[in-house]
All heavy atoms as atom14 arrays in JSON, in Angstrom:
{
  "sequence": "SAAYRPGQEGNEFEAEVMPAAGETVIPKRTNSAFIGTDLEQRLRKSGI",
  "atom14_mask": [
    [1, 1, 1, 1, 1, 1, 0, 0, 0, 0, 0, 0, 0, 0],
    [1, 1, 1, 1, 1, 0, 0, 0, 0, 0, 0, 0, 0, 0],
    [1, 1, 1, 1, 1, 0, 0, 0, 0, 0, 0, 0, 0, 0],
    [1, 1, 1, 1, 1, 1, 1, 1, 1, 1, 1, 1, 0, 0],
    [1, 1, 1, 1, 1, 1, 1, 1, 1, 1, 1, 0, 0, 0],
    [1, 1, 1, 1, 1, 1, 1, 0, 0, 0, 0, 0, 0, 0],
    [1, 1, 1, 1, 0, 0, 0, 0, 0, 0, 0, 0, 0, 0],
    [1, 1, 1, 1, 1, 1, 1, 1, 1, 0, 0, 0, 0, 0],
    [1, 1, 1, 1, 1, 1, 1, 1, 1, 0, 0, 0, 0, 0],
    [1, 1, 1, 1, 0, 0, 0, 0, 0, 0, 0, 0, 0, 0],
    [1, 1, 1, 1, 1, 1, 1, 1, 0, 0, 0, 0, 0, 0],
    [1, 1, 1, 1, 1, 1, 1, 1, 1, 0, 0, 0, 0, 0],
    [1, 1, 1, 1, 1, 1, 1, 1, 1, 1, 1, 0, 0, 0],
    [1, 1, 1, 1, 1, 1, 1, 1, 1, 0, 0, 0, 0, 0],
    [1, 1, 1, 1, 1, 0, 0, 0, 0, 0, 0, 0, 0, 0],
    [1, 1, 1, 1, 1, 1, 1, 1, 1, 0, 0, 0, 0, 0],
    [1, 1, 1, 1, 1, 1, 1, 0, 0, 0, 0, 0, 0, 0],
    [1, 1, 1, 1, 1, 1, 1, 1, 0, 0, 0, 0, 0, 0],
    [1, 1, 1, 1, 1, 1, 1, 0, 0, 0, 0, 0, 0, 0],
    [1, 1, 1, 1, 1, 0, 0, 0, 0, 0, 0, 0, 0, 0],
    [1, 1, 1, 1, 1, 0, 0, 0, 0, 0, 0, 0, 0, 0],
    [1, 1, 1, 1, 0, 0, 0, 0, 0, 0, 0, 0, 0, 0],
    [1, 1, 1, 1, 1, 1, 1, 1, 1, 0, 0, 0, 0, 0],
    [1, 1, 1, 1, 1, 1, 1, 0, 0, 0, 0, 0, 0, 0],
    [1, 1, 1, 1, 1, 1, 1, 0, 0, 0, 0, 0, 0, 0],
    [1, 1, 1, 1, 1, 1, 1, 1, 0, 0, 0, 0, 0, 0],
    [1, 1, 1, 1, 1, 1, 1, 0, 0, 0, 0, 0, 0, 0],
    [1, 1, 1, 1, 1, 1, 1, 1, 1, 0, 0, 0, 0, 0],
    [1, 1, 1, 1, 1, 1, 1, 1, 1, 1, 1, 0, 0, 0],
    [1, 1, 1, 1, 1, 1, 1, 0, 0, 0, 0, 0, 0, 0],
    [1, 1, 1, 1, 1, 1, 1, 1, 0, 0, 0, 0, 0, 0],
    [1, 1, 1, 1, 1, 1, 0, 0, 0, 0, 0, 0, 0, 0],
    [1, 1, 1, 1, 1, 0, 0, 0, 0, 0, 0, 0, 0, 0],
    [1, 1, 1, 1, 1, 1, 1, 1, 1, 1, 1, 0, 0, 0],
    [1, 1, 1, 1, 1, 1, 1, 1, 0, 0, 0, 0, 0, 0],
    [1, 1, 1, 1, 0, 0, 0, 0, 0, 0, 0, 0, 0, 0],
    [1, 1, 1, 1, 1, 1, 1, 0, 0, 0, 0, 0, 0, 0],
    [1, 1, 1, 1, 1, 1, 1, 1, 0, 0, 0, 0, 0, 0],
    [1, 1, 1, 1, 1, 1, 1, 1, 0, 0, 0, 0, 0, 0],
    [1, 1, 1, 1, 1, 1, 1, 1, 1, 0, 0, 0, 0, 0],
    [1, 1, 1, 1, 1, 1, 1, 1, 1, 0, 0, 0, 0, 0],
    [1, 1, 1, 1, 1, 1, 1, 1, 1, 1, 1, 0, 0, 0],
    [1, 1, 1, 1, 1, 1, 1, 1, 0, 0, 0, 0, 0, 0],
    [1, 1, 1, 1, 1, 1, 1, 1, 1, 1, 1, 0, 0, 0],
    [1, 1, 1, 1, 1, 1, 1, 1, 1, 0, 0, 0, 0, 0],
    [1, 1, 1, 1, 1, 1, 0, 0, 0, 0, 0, 0, 0, 0],
    [1, 1, 1, 1, 0, 0, 0, 0, 0, 0, 0, 0, 0, 0],
    [1, 1, 1, 1, 1, 1, 1, 1, 0, 0, 0, 0, 0, 0]
  ],
  "atom14_positions": [
    [[-20.47, 5.09, 8.66], [-19.44, 5.92, 9.3], [-20.08, 7.23, 9.75], [-21.15, 7.6, 9.29], [-18.29, 6.19, 8.33], [-18.76, 6.93, 7.23], [0.0, 0.0, 0.0], [0.0, 0.0, 0.0], [0.0, 0.0, 0.0], [0.0, 0.0, 0.0], [0.0, 0.0, 0.0], [0.0, 0.0, 0.0], [0.0, 0.0, 0.0], [0.0, 0.0, 0.0]],
    [[-19.4, 7.93, 10.64], [-19.95, 9.15, 11.19], [-20.02, 10.28, 10.17], [-20.96, 11.04, 10.14], [-19.13, 9.59, 12.4], [0.0, 0.0, 0.0], [0.0, 0.0, 0.0], [0.0, 0.0, 0.0], [0.0, 0.0, 0.0], [0.0, 0.0, 0.0], [0.0, 0.0, 0.0], [0.0, 0.0, 0.0], [0.0, 0.0, 0.0], [0.0, 0.0, 0.0]],
    [[-19.01, 10.44, 9.37], [-18.98, 11.51, 8.37], [-19.57, 11.0, 7.06], [-19.37, 9.86, 6.69], [-17.55, 11.98, 8.15], [0.0, 0.0, 0.0], [0.0, 0.0, 0.0], [0.0, 0.0, 0.0], [0.0, 0.0, 0.0], [0.0, 0.0, 0.0], [0.0, 0.0, 0.0], [0.0, 0.0, 0.0], [0.0, 0.0, 0.0], [0.0, 0.0, 0.0]],
    [[-20.32, 11.85, 6.39], [-21.04, 11.42, 5.19], [-20.21, 11.37, 3.92], [-20.42, 10.53, 3.07], [-22.22, 12.36, 4.9], [-23.18, 12.52, 6.04], [-23.71, 13.76, 6.32], [-23.55, 11.46, 6.83], [-24.61, 13.93, 7.36], [-24.44, 11.62, 7.86], [-24.97, 12.85, 8.13], [-25.84, 13.03, 9.15], [0.0, 0.0, 0.0], [0.0, 0.0, 0.0]],
    [[-19.32, 12.3, 3.75], [-18.64, 12.43, 2.46], [-17.24, 11.84, 2.46], [-16.45, 12.13, 3.36], [-18.59, 13.91, 2.09], [-19.95, 14.46, 1.73], [-19.99, 15.98, 1.72], [-21.31, 16.5, 1.97], [-21.9, 16.57, 3.16], [-21.28, 16.15, 4.23], [-23.11, 17.06, 3.3], [0.0, 0.0, 0.0], [0.0, 0.0, 0.0], [0.0, 0.0, 0.0]],
    [[-16.93, 11.03, 1.46], [-15.56, 10.5, 1.35], [-14.55, 11.64, 1.36], [-14.8, 12.72, 0.83], [-15.58, 9.78, -0.01], [-17.02, 9.43, -0.22], [-17.8, 10.56, 0.39], [0.0, 0.0, 0.0], [0.0, 0.0, 0.0], [0.0, 0.0, 0.0], [0.0, 0.0, 0.0], [0.0, 0.0, 0.0], [0.0, 0.0, 0.0], [0.0, 0.0, 0.0]],
    [[-13.44, 11.41, 2.04], [-12.39, 12.4, 2.15], [-12.55, 13.31, 3.36], [-11.63, 14.02, 3.74], [0.0, 0.0, 0.0], [0.0, 0.0, 0.0], [0.0, 0.0, 0.0], [0.0, 0.0, 0.0], [0.0, 0.0, 0.0], [0.0, 0.0, 0.0], [0.0, 0.0, 0.0], [0.0, 0.0, 0.0], [0.0, 0.0, 0.0], [0.0, 0.0, 0.0]],
    [[-13.72, 13.28, 3.99], [-13.98, 14.09, 5.17], [-13.4, 13.38, 6.4], [-13.44, 12.15, 6.48], [-15.49, 14.24, 5.32], [-15.96, 15.3, 6.26], [-17.48, 15.41, 6.24], [-18.18, 14.5, 5.82], [-18.0, 16.53, 6.71], [0.0, 0.0, 0.0], [0.0, 0.0, 0.0], [0.0, 0.0, 0.0], [0.0, 0.0, 0.0], [0.0, 0.0, 0.0]],
    [[-12.88, 14.14, 7.36], [-12.34, 13.54, 8.58], [-13.43, 12.72, 9.26], [-14.57, 13.16, 9.38], [-11.84, 14.62, 9.54], [-11.16, 14.04, 10.76], [-10.59, 15.09, 11.67], [-10.3, 16.21, 11.2], [-10.43, 14.79, 12.85], [0.0, 0.0, 0.0], [0.0, 0.0, 0.0], [0.0, 0.0, 0.0], [0.0, 0.0, 0.0], [0.0, 0.0, 0.0]],
    [[-13.09, 11.51, 9.68], [-14.04, 10.62, 10.32], [-14.74, 9.68, 9.37], [-15.52, 8.83, 9.77], [0.0, 0.0, 0.0], [0.0, 0.0, 0.0], [0.0, 0.0, 0.0], [0.0, 0.0, 0.0], [0.0, 0.0, 0.0], [0.0, 0.0, 0.0], [0.0, 0.0, 0.0], [0.0, 0.0, 0.0], [0.0, 0.0, 0.0], [0.0, 0.0, 0.0]],
    [[-14.47, 9.81, 8.07], [-15.13, 8.98, 7.07], [-14.42, 7.65, 6.84], [-15.02, 6.69, 6.39], [-15.26, 9.74, 5.75], [-16.07, 8.97, 4.73], [-15.51, 8.28, 3.9], [-17.38, 9.08, 4.83], [0.0, 0.0, 0.0], [0.0, 0.0, 0.0], [0.0, 0.0, 0.0], [0.0, 0.0, 0.0], [0.0, 0.0, 0.0], [0.0, 0.0, 0.0]],
    [[-13.14, 7.6, 7.15], [-12.37, 6.37, 6.9], [-12.77, 5.26, 7.87], [-13.14, 5.51, 9.01], [-10.88, 6.66, 7.04], [-10.38, 7.72, 6.07], [-10.67, 7.4, 4.62], [-10.49, 6.25, 4.2], [-11.09, 8.32, 3.89], [0.0, 0.0, 0.0], [0.0, 0.0, 0.0], [0.0, 0.0, 0.0], [0.0, 0.0, 0.0], [0.0, 0.0, 0.0]],
    [[-12.69, 4.03, 7.42], [-13.0, 2.88, 8.26], [-11.95, 2.72, 9.35], [-10.75, 2.88, 9.1], [-13.04, 1.58, 7.43], [-14.27, 1.44, 6.6], [-14.24, 1.73, 5.25], [-15.46, 1.01, 7.16], [-15.38, 1.61, 4.47], [-16.59, 0.87, 6.4], [-16.56, 1.17, 5.06], [0.0, 0.0, 0.0], [0.0, 0.0, 0.0], [0.0, 0.0, 0.0]],
    [[-12.4, 2.39, 10.55], [-11.5, 2.02, 11.64], [-11.03, 0.6, 11.38], [-11.73, -0.19, 10.73], [-12.22, 2.11, 12.99], [-12.69, 3.5, 13.36], [-11.55, 4.46, 13.67], [-10.49, 3.98, 14.14], [-11.73, 5.67, 13.45], [0.0, 0.0, 0.0], [0.0, 0.0, 0.0], [0.0, 0.0, 0.0], [0.0, 0.0, 0.0], [0.0, 0.0, 0.0]],
    [[-9.85, 0.24, 11.89], [-9.28, -1.09, 11.66], [-10.24, -2.2, 12.08], [-10.34, -3.23, 11.41], [-7.95, -1.22, 12.41], [0.0, 0.0, 0.0], [0.0, 0.0, 0.0], [0.0, 0.0, 0.0], [0.0, 0.0, 0.0], [0.0, 0.0, 0.0], [0.0, 0.0, 0.0], [0.0, 0.0, 0.0], [0.0, 0.0, 0.0], [0.0, 0.0, 0.0]],
    [[-10.98, -1.98, 13.16], [-11.88, -3.03, 13.7], [-13.03, -3.36, 12.77], [-13.62, -4.43, 12.86], [-12.45, -2.6, 15.05], [-11.43, -2.41, 16.13], [-10.78, -1.02, 16.12], [-11.19, -0.14, 15.32], [-9.83, -0.83, 16.88], [0.0, 0.0, 0.0], [0.0, 0.0, 0.0], [0.0, 0.0, 0.0], [0.0, 0.0, 0.0], [0.0, 0.0, 0.0]],
    [[-13.4, -2.43, 11.91], [-14.54, -2.65, 11.02], [-14.17, -2.52, 9.55], [-15.04, -2.29, 8.7], [-15.72, -1.7, 11.37], [-16.31, -2.02, 12.72], [-15.3, -0.25, 11.28], [0.0, 0.0, 0.0], [0.0, 0.0, 0.0], [0.0, 0.0, 0.0], [0.0, 0.0, 0.0], [0.0, 0.0, 0.0], [0.0, 0.0, 0.0], [0.0, 0.0, 0.0]],
    [[-12.91, -2.67, 9.24], [-12.44, -2.6, 7.86], [-13.16, -3.66, 7.03], [-13.25, -4.82, 7.44], [-10.93, -2.84, 7.83], [-10.3, -2.58, 6.48], [-10.34, -0.86, 5.96], [-9.34, -0.07, 7.2], [0.0, 0.0, 0.0], [0.0, 0.0, 0.0], [0.0, 0.0, 0.0], [0.0, 0.0, 0.0], [0.0, 0.0, 0.0], [0.0, 0.0, 0.0]],
    [[-13.71, -3.28, 5.88], [-14.38, -4.27, 5.03], [-13.42, -5.38, 4.62], [-12.24, -5.13, 4.38], [-14.81, -3.46, 3.81], [-14.86, -2.05, 4.29], [-13.78, -1.94, 5.33], [0.0, 0.0, 0.0], [0.0, 0.0, 0.0], [0.0, 0.0, 0.0], [0.0, 0.0, 0.0], [0.0, 0.0, 0.0], [0.0, 0.0, 0.0], [0.0, 0.0, 0.0]],
    [[-13.95, -6.58, 4.54], [-13.15, -7.73, 4.1], [-12.88, -7.59, 2.6], [-13.61, -6.9, 1.88], [-13.91, -9.02, 4.38], [0.0, 0.0, 0.0], [0.0, 0.0, 0.0], [0.0, 0.0, 0.0], [0.0, 0.0, 0.0], [0.0, 0.0, 0.0], [0.0, 0.0, 0.0], [0.0, 0.0, 0.0], [0.0, 0.0, 0.0], [0.0, 0.0, 0.0]],
    [[-11.86, -8.25, 2.15], [-11.52, -8.24, 0.72], [-12.74, -8.7, -0.07], [-13.37, -9.7, 0.26], [-10.33, -9.16, 0.48], [0.0, 0.0, 0.0], [0.0, 0.0, 0.0], [0.0, 0.0, 0.0], [0.0, 0.0, 0.0], [0.0, 0.0, 0.0], [0.0, 0.0, 0.0], [0.0, 0.0, 0.0], [0.0, 0.0, 0.0], [0.0, 0.0, 0.0]],
    [[-13.1, -7.94, -1.08], [-14.22, -8.29, -1.94], [-15.58, -7.85, -1.41], [-16.58, -7.98, -2.1], [0.0, 0.0, 0.0], [0.0, 0.0, 0.0], [0.0, 0.0, 0.0], [0.0, 0.0, 0.0], [0.0, 0.0, 0.0], [0.0, 0.0, 0.0], [0.0, 0.0, 0.0], [0.0, 0.0, 0.0], [0.0, 0.0, 0.0], [0.0, 0.0, 0.0]],
    [[-15.62, -7.32, -0.19], [-16.89, -6.86, 0.38], [-17.29, -5.53, -0.27], [-16.46, -4.64, -0.44], [-16.73, -6.7, 1.89], [-18.03, -6.52, 2.63], [-17.84, -6.58, 4.14], [-16.76, -6.21, 4.65], [-18.78, -7.01, 4.8], [0.0, 0.0, 0.0], [0.0, 0.0, 0.0], [0.0, 0.0, 0.0], [0.0, 0.0, 0.0], [0.0, 0.0, 0.0]],
    [[-18.55, -5.39, -0.64], [-19.04, -4.18, -1.29], [-19.14, -3.04, -0.3], [-19.65, -3.21, 0.8], [-20.43, -4.44, -1.91], [-20.32, -5.5, -2.85], [-20.97, -3.2, -2.59], [0.0, 0.0, 0.0], [0.0, 0.0, 0.0], [0.0, 0.0, 0.0], [0.0, 0.0, 0.0], [0.0, 0.0, 0.0], [0.0, 0.0, 0.0], [0.0, 0.0, 0.0]],
    [[-18.66, -1.88, -0.69], [-18.78, -0.66, 0.1], [-19.54, 0.35, -0.76], [-19.17, 0.61, -1.91], [-17.4, -0.09, 0.49], [-17.55, 1.24, 1.2], [-16.65, -1.1, 1.35], [0.0, 0.0, 0.0], [0.0, 0.0, 0.0], [0.0, 0.0, 0.0], [0.0, 0.0, 0.0], [0.0, 0.0, 0.0], [0.0, 0.0, 0.0], [0.0, 0.0, 0.0]],
    [[-20.62, 0.9, -0.2], [-21.41, 1.9, -0.91], [-21.28, 3.21, -0.14], [-21.87, 3.38, 0.92], [-22.89, 1.48, -1.01], [-23.0, 0.13, -1.74], [-23.71, 2.56, -1.71], [-24.37, -0.49, -1.7], [0.0, 0.0, 0.0], [0.0, 0.0, 0.0], [0.0, 0.0, 0.0], [0.0, 0.0, 0.0], [0.0, 0.0, 0.0], [0.0, 0.0, 0.0]],
    [[-20.48, 4.15, -0.65], [-20.32, 5.44, 0.05], [-21.64, 6.21, 0.06], [-22.36, 6.23, -0.93], [-19.28, 6.18, -0.78], [-18.65, 5.15, -1.64], [-19.66, 4.07, -1.85], [0.0, 0.0, 0.0], [0.0, 0.0, 0.0], [0.0, 0.0, 0.0], [0.0, 0.0, 0.0], [0.0, 0.0, 0.0], [0.0, 0.0, 0.0], [0.0, 0.0, 0.0]],
    [[-21.94, 6.83, 1.19], [-23.13, 7.65, 1.26], [-22.75, 9.1, 1.47], [-21.68, 9.4, 1.97], [-24.08, 7.16, 2.37], [-23.58, 7.3, 3.77], [-24.59, 6.64, 4.72], [-24.2, 6.83, 6.16], [-24.42, 8.16, 6.67], [0.0, 0.0, 0.0], [0.0, 0.0, 0.0], [0.0, 0.0, 0.0], [0.0, 0.0, 0.0], [0.0, 0.0, 0.0]],
    [[-23.62, 10.0, 1.06], [-23.32, 11.43, 1.14], [-24.36, 12.19, 1.97], [-24.28, 13.39, 2.1], [-23.25, 12.01, -0.26], [-22.15, 11.35, -1.07], [-21.98, 12.01, -2.43], [-21.01, 11.31, -3.24], [-19.7, 11.36, -3.07], [-19.19, 12.05, -2.1], [-18.88, 10.7, -3.88], [0.0, 0.0, 0.0], [0.0, 0.0, 0.0], [0.0, 0.0, 0.0]],
    [[-25.35, 11.5, 2.48], [-26.36, 12.09, 3.36], [-26.55, 11.16, 4.55], [-25.93, 10.1, 4.63], [-27.71, 12.26, 2.64], [-28.26, 10.96, 2.37], [-27.58, 13.05, 1.36], [0.0, 0.0, 0.0], [0.0, 0.0, 0.0], [0.0, 0.0, 0.0], [0.0, 0.0, 0.0], [0.0, 0.0, 0.0], [0.0, 0.0, 0.0], [0.0, 0.0, 0.0]],
    [[-27.46, 11.51, 5.45], [-27.66, 10.67, 6.63], [-28.3, 9.33, 6.31], [-28.08, 8.36, 7.02], [-28.46, 11.41, 7.7], [-29.81, 11.88, 7.22], [-30.19, 11.71, 6.06], [-30.55, 12.5, 8.11], [0.0, 0.0, 0.0], [0.0, 0.0, 0.0], [0.0, 0.0, 0.0], [0.0, 0.0, 0.0], [0.0, 0.0, 0.0], [0.0, 0.0, 0.0]],
    [[-29.06, 9.2, 5.25], [-29.67, 7.92, 4.88], [-28.83, 7.22, 3.82], [-28.48, 7.82, 2.8], [-31.08, 8.12, 4.33], [-31.58, 6.89, 3.85], [0.0, 0.0, 0.0], [0.0, 0.0, 0.0], [0.0, 0.0, 0.0], [0.0, 0.0, 0.0], [0.0, 0.0, 0.0], [0.0, 0.0, 0.0], [0.0, 0.0, 0.0], [0.0, 0.0, 0.0]],
    [[-28.55, 5.95, 4.05], [-27.77, 5.17, 3.1], [-28.54, 4.9, 1.81], [-27.96, 4.45, 0.82], [-27.35, 3.85, 3.73], [0.0, 0.0, 0.0], [0.0, 0.0, 0.0], [0.0, 0.0, 0.0], [0.0, 0.0, 0.0], [0.0, 0.0, 0.0], [0.0, 0.0, 0.0], [0.0, 0.0, 0.0], [0.0, 0.0, 0.0], [0.0, 0.0, 0.0]],
    [[-29.84, 5.2, 1.79], [-30.64, 4.96, 0.6], [-30.7, 6.16, -0.34], [-31.02, 6.02, -1.51], [-32.08, 4.57, 1.0], [-32.17, 3.19, 1.57], [-32.17, 2.99, 2.94], [-32.27, 2.07, 0.74], [-32.25, 1.71, 3.48], [-32.34, 0.79, 1.27], [-32.34, 0.61, 2.64], [0.0, 0.0, 0.0], [0.0, 0.0, 0.0], [0.0, 0.0, 0.0]],
    [[-30.41, 7.34, 0.16], [-30.53, 8.55, -0.66], [-29.23, 8.8, -1.42], [-28.15, 8.86, -0.83], [-30.88, 9.77, 0.21], [-32.28, 9.56, 0.81], [-30.83, 11.07, -0.6], [-32.7, 10.62, 1.79], [0.0, 0.0, 0.0], [0.0, 0.0, 0.0], [0.0, 0.0, 0.0], [0.0, 0.0, 0.0], [0.0, 0.0, 0.0], [0.0, 0.0, 0.0]],
    [[-29.35, 8.92, -2.74], [-28.19, 9.22, -3.56], [-27.26, 8.04, -3.78], [-26.13, 8.23, -4.22], [0.0, 0.0, 0.0], [0.0, 0.0, 0.0], [0.0, 0.0, 0.0], [0.0, 0.0, 0.0], [0.0, 0.0, 0.0], [0.0, 0.0, 0.0], [0.0, 0.0, 0.0], [0.0, 0.0, 0.0], [0.0, 0.0, 0.0], [0.0, 0.0, 0.0]],
    [[-27.74, 6.85, -3.46], [-26.94, 5.64, -3.7], [-27.8, 4.62, -4.45], [-29.0, 4.8, -4.6], [-26.47, 4.98, -2.37], [-27.61, 4.39, -1.71], [-25.79, 5.99, -1.45], [0.0, 0.0, 0.0], [0.0, 0.0, 0.0], [0.0, 0.0, 0.0], [0.0, 0.0, 0.0], [0.0, 0.0, 0.0], [0.0, 0.0, 0.0], [0.0, 0.0, 0.0]],
    [[-27.17, 3.54, -4.85], [-27.92, 2.47, -5.51], [-28.18, 1.32, -4.54], [-28.41, 0.19, -4.96], [-27.19, 1.99, -6.75], [-25.83, 1.36, -6.46], [-25.34, 1.45, -5.31], [-25.24, 0.77, -7.39], [0.0, 0.0, 0.0], [0.0, 0.0, 0.0], [0.0, 0.0, 0.0], [0.0, 0.0, 0.0], [0.0, 0.0, 0.0], [0.0, 0.0, 0.0]],
    [[-28.18, 1.61, -3.24], [-28.35, 0.56, -2.24], [-29.65, -0.22, -2.43], [-29.63, -1.46, -2.48], [-28.29, 1.15, -0.83], [-28.54, 0.16, 0.31], [-27.51, -0.97, 0.29], [-28.52, 0.89, 1.66], [0.0, 0.0, 0.0], [0.0, 0.0, 0.0], [0.0, 0.0, 0.0], [0.0, 0.0, 0.0], [0.0, 0.0, 0.0], [0.0, 0.0, 0.0]],
    [[-30.77, 0.47, -2.54], [-32.03, -0.25, -2.69], [-32.02, -1.15, -3.92], [-32.43, -2.31, -3.86], [-33.21, 0.72, -2.77], [-34.53, -0.04, -2.91], [-35.75, 0.85, -3.1], [-35.59, 2.08, -3.25], [-36.86, 0.29, -3.12], [0.0, 0.0, 0.0], [0.0, 0.0, 0.0], [0.0, 0.0, 0.0], [0.0, 0.0, 0.0], [0.0, 0.0, 0.0]],
    [[-31.54, -0.64, -5.04], [-31.51, -1.43, -6.28], [-30.61, -2.67, -6.11], [-30.96, -3.76, -6.57], [-31.02, -0.58, -7.45], [-31.96, 0.54, -7.85], [-31.89, 1.76, -6.93], [-31.0, 1.88, -6.09], [-32.84, 2.66, -7.09], [0.0, 0.0, 0.0], [0.0, 0.0, 0.0], [0.0, 0.0, 0.0], [0.0, 0.0, 0.0], [0.0, 0.0, 0.0]],
    [[-29.46, -2.49, -5.48], [-28.55, -3.63, -5.25], [-29.22, -4.7, -4.39], [-29.12, -5.89, -4.67], [-27.27, -3.18, -4.57], [-26.31, -2.44, -5.46], [-25.14, -1.93, -4.6], [-24.16, -1.23, -5.34], [-22.98, -1.73, -5.68], [-22.64, -2.95, -5.34], [-22.13, -1.0, -6.37], [0.0, 0.0, 0.0], [0.0, 0.0, 0.0], [0.0, 0.0, 0.0]],
    [[-29.88, -4.26, -3.32], [-30.55, -5.21, -2.42], [-31.66, -5.95, -3.15], [-31.76, -7.18, -3.06], [-31.11, -4.48, -1.2], [-30.09, -3.85, -0.26], [-30.78, -2.97, 0.77], [-29.22, -4.91, 0.4], [0.0, 0.0, 0.0], [0.0, 0.0, 0.0], [0.0, 0.0, 0.0], [0.0, 0.0, 0.0], [0.0, 0.0, 0.0], [0.0, 0.0, 0.0]],
    [[-32.48, -5.23, -3.88], [-33.59, -5.86, -4.6], [-33.07, -6.81, -5.68], [-33.58, -7.93, -5.82], [-34.48, -4.79, -5.22], [-35.05, -3.81, -4.2], [-36.51, -3.97, -3.99], [-37.03, -2.88, -3.18], [-37.57, -3.07, -1.97], [-37.64, -4.27, -1.44], [-38.04, -2.04, -1.29], [0.0, 0.0, 0.0], [0.0, 0.0, 0.0], [0.0, 0.0, 0.0]],
    [[-32.06, -6.38, -6.43], [-31.5, -7.22, -7.48], [-30.91, -8.51, -6.91], [-31.0, -9.58, -7.52], [-30.4, -6.46, -8.24], [-29.82, -7.22, -9.4], [-28.79, -6.39, -10.13], [-28.18, -7.19, -11.26], [-27.14, -6.45, -11.96], [0.0, 0.0, 0.0], [0.0, 0.0, 0.0], [0.0, 0.0, 0.0], [0.0, 0.0, 0.0], [0.0, 0.0, 0.0]],
    [[-30.36, -8.43, -5.7], [-29.76, -9.6, -5.05], [-30.79, -10.44, -4.3], [-30.45, -11.47, -3.74], [-28.68, -9.16, -4.07], [-27.64, -8.51, -4.76], [0.0, 0.0, 0.0], [0.0, 0.0, 0.0], [0.0, 0.0, 0.0], [0.0, 0.0, 0.0], [0.0, 0.0, 0.0], [0.0, 0.0, 0.0], [0.0, 0.0, 0.0], [0.0, 0.0, 0.0]],
    [[-32.02, -9.97, -4.25], [-33.07, -10.71, -3.54], [-32.95, -10.6, -2.03], [-33.49, -11.43, -1.31], [0.0, 0.0, 0.0], [0.0, 0.0, 0.0], [0.0, 0.0, 0.0], [0.0, 0.0, 0.0], [0.0, 0.0, 0.0], [0.0, 0.0, 0.0], [0.0, 0.0, 0.0], [0.0, 0.0, 0.0], [0.0, 0.0, 0.0], [0.0, 0.0, 0.0]],
    [[-32.27, -9.58, -1.56], [-32.1, -9.41, -0.11], [-33.3, -8.66, 0.44], [-33.63, -7.57, -0.02], [-30.79, -8.64, 0.2], [-29.6, -9.5, -0.24], [-30.71, -8.27, 1.68], [-28.28, -8.77, -0.2], [0.0, 0.0, 0.0], [0.0, 0.0, 0.0], [0.0, 0.0, 0.0], [0.0, 0.0, 0.0], [0.0, 0.0, 0.0], [0.0, 0.0, 0.0]]
  ]
}
């Protein structure tokens, strides 16, 4: 999403790209989805 922090205007998903039920969402707080999140660990653990 365009805005980094949850609760910030522009951070909410648009209807067209709303995550499917059960789909994992990892909120990010900086421009890189890898910084300050567990994204890399999740990907590696899943073998992705």
